[in-house]
Protein backbone atom coordinates (compact mmCIF):
# COMPACT_ATOMS: atom_id res chain seq x y z
CA MET A 1 0.26 0.26 -0.29
CA ALA A 2 2.81 2.60 1.22
CA ASP A 3 4.15 1.64 -2.85
CA ASP A 4 0.50 2.82 -3.56
CA ALA A 5 0.12 6.05 -1.74
CA ARG A 6 3.18 6.83 -3.62
CA ASN A 7 1.39 6.95 -6.55
CA GLU A 8 -1.57 8.23 -5.88
CA PRO A 9 -1.34 10.24 -9.12
CA HIS A 10 -0.68 7.73 -11.33
CA LEU A 11 -3.58 5.63 -9.71
CA VAL A 12 -5.47 8.72 -10.51
CA ALA A 13 -4.59 9.07 -14.61
CA ARG A 14 -5.94 5.23 -14.51
CA ALA A 15 -8.63 4.97 -12.55
CA ARG A 16 -10.06 8.95 -14.87
CA ALA A 17 -9.44 6.13 -18.05
CA GLY A 18 -11.48 3.63 -16.56
CA ASP A 19 -8.95 0.78 -15.09
CA ARG A 20 -11.44 -0.40 -12.37
CA GLN A 21 -8.56 -1.71 -10.41
CA ALA A 22 -6.83 1.84 -9.51
CA LEU A 23 -10.42 2.84 -8.14
CA ASP A 24 -10.61 -0.10 -5.77
CA THR A 25 -7.06 0.87 -5.07
CA LEU A 26 -6.97 4.01 -4.94
CA LEU A 27 -10.54 4.30 -2.63
CA ALA A 28 -8.86 1.69 -0.57
CA ALA A 29 -6.25 3.16 0.05
CA HIS A 30 -8.03 5.71 2.26
CA VAL A 31 -11.16 4.76 3.26
CA GLY A 32 -9.96 3.63 6.16
CA ARG A 33 -8.36 7.86 7.61
CA LEU A 34 -12.23 8.58 6.26
CA GLN A 35 -14.44 6.37 7.73
CA ARG A 36 -12.13 7.93 11.70
CA PHE A 37 -12.16 11.40 10.61
CA LEU A 38 -16.56 11.04 9.74
CA THR A 39 -16.94 9.58 13.18
CA THR A 40 -15.05 11.11 15.13
CA MET A 41 -17.20 13.72 13.25
CA LEU A 42 -20.37 12.80 13.76
CA GLY A 43 -20.50 10.07 16.30
CA CYS A 44 -22.14 7.11 15.79
CA PRO A 45 -19.93 4.78 14.26
CA GLU A 46 -23.21 3.98 11.48
CA ARG A 47 -24.15 7.23 10.32
CA ALA A 48 -20.25 7.53 9.20
CA ALA A 49 -20.16 4.57 7.35
CA ASP A 50 -22.76 4.87 5.20
CA VAL A 51 -21.88 8.63 4.83
CA CYS A 52 -18.27 7.15 3.86
CA GLN A 53 -19.70 5.01 1.11
CA ASP A 54 -21.93 7.33 -0.24
CA THR A 55 -19.03 9.91 -0.31
CA LEU A 56 -16.11 6.99 -1.93
CA GLN A 57 -19.47 6.70 -4.39
CA ARG A 58 -19.29 10.62 -5.46
CA ALA A 59 -15.44 10.84 -5.65
CA SER A 60 -15.47 7.23 -8.39
CA THR A 61 -17.79 9.49 -9.98
CA ARG A 62 -16.11 12.46 -10.25
CA LEU A 63 -11.68 11.86 -10.65
CA ASP A 64 -12.26 14.41 -13.39
CA GLN A 65 -12.86 16.92 -10.88
CA LEU A 66 -9.95 16.83 -9.22
CA THR A 67 -7.22 19.80 -9.36
CA ASP A 68 -4.43 17.87 -7.72
CA ALA A 69 -4.37 13.67 -8.14
CA GLY A 70 -2.30 13.80 -5.50
CA ARG A 71 -4.24 15.40 -2.51
CA ILE A 72 -6.91 12.33 -2.44
CA GLU A 73 -7.53 12.26 0.83
CA GLY A 74 -7.92 16.51 1.39
CA ALA A 75 -11.11 16.35 -1.21
CA LEU A 76 -12.09 13.28 0.20
CA GLU A 77 -13.03 15.32 3.08
CA CYS A 78 -14.23 17.92 1.68
CA ARG A 79 -16.56 16.22 -0.34
CA ALA A 80 -18.00 13.92 3.54
CA ASP A 81 -20.41 16.40 4.24
């Protein structure tokens, strides 16, 4: 996974091109941290899991809007509304 984090811009490019494995790898690298962030913000693990899933779904369909391919973590937290 450390190699994947270093290659995040490459994974984003591959995911934008339709590579489902790259998308899965990219999102899997961030799901744990996003889940913890949302649990802290919402105070409810079940609600956090729902919002996390929704956020990852939205992110997967909006990769073209990501302006800095190396900073997907911040973009996910911003989309977690």
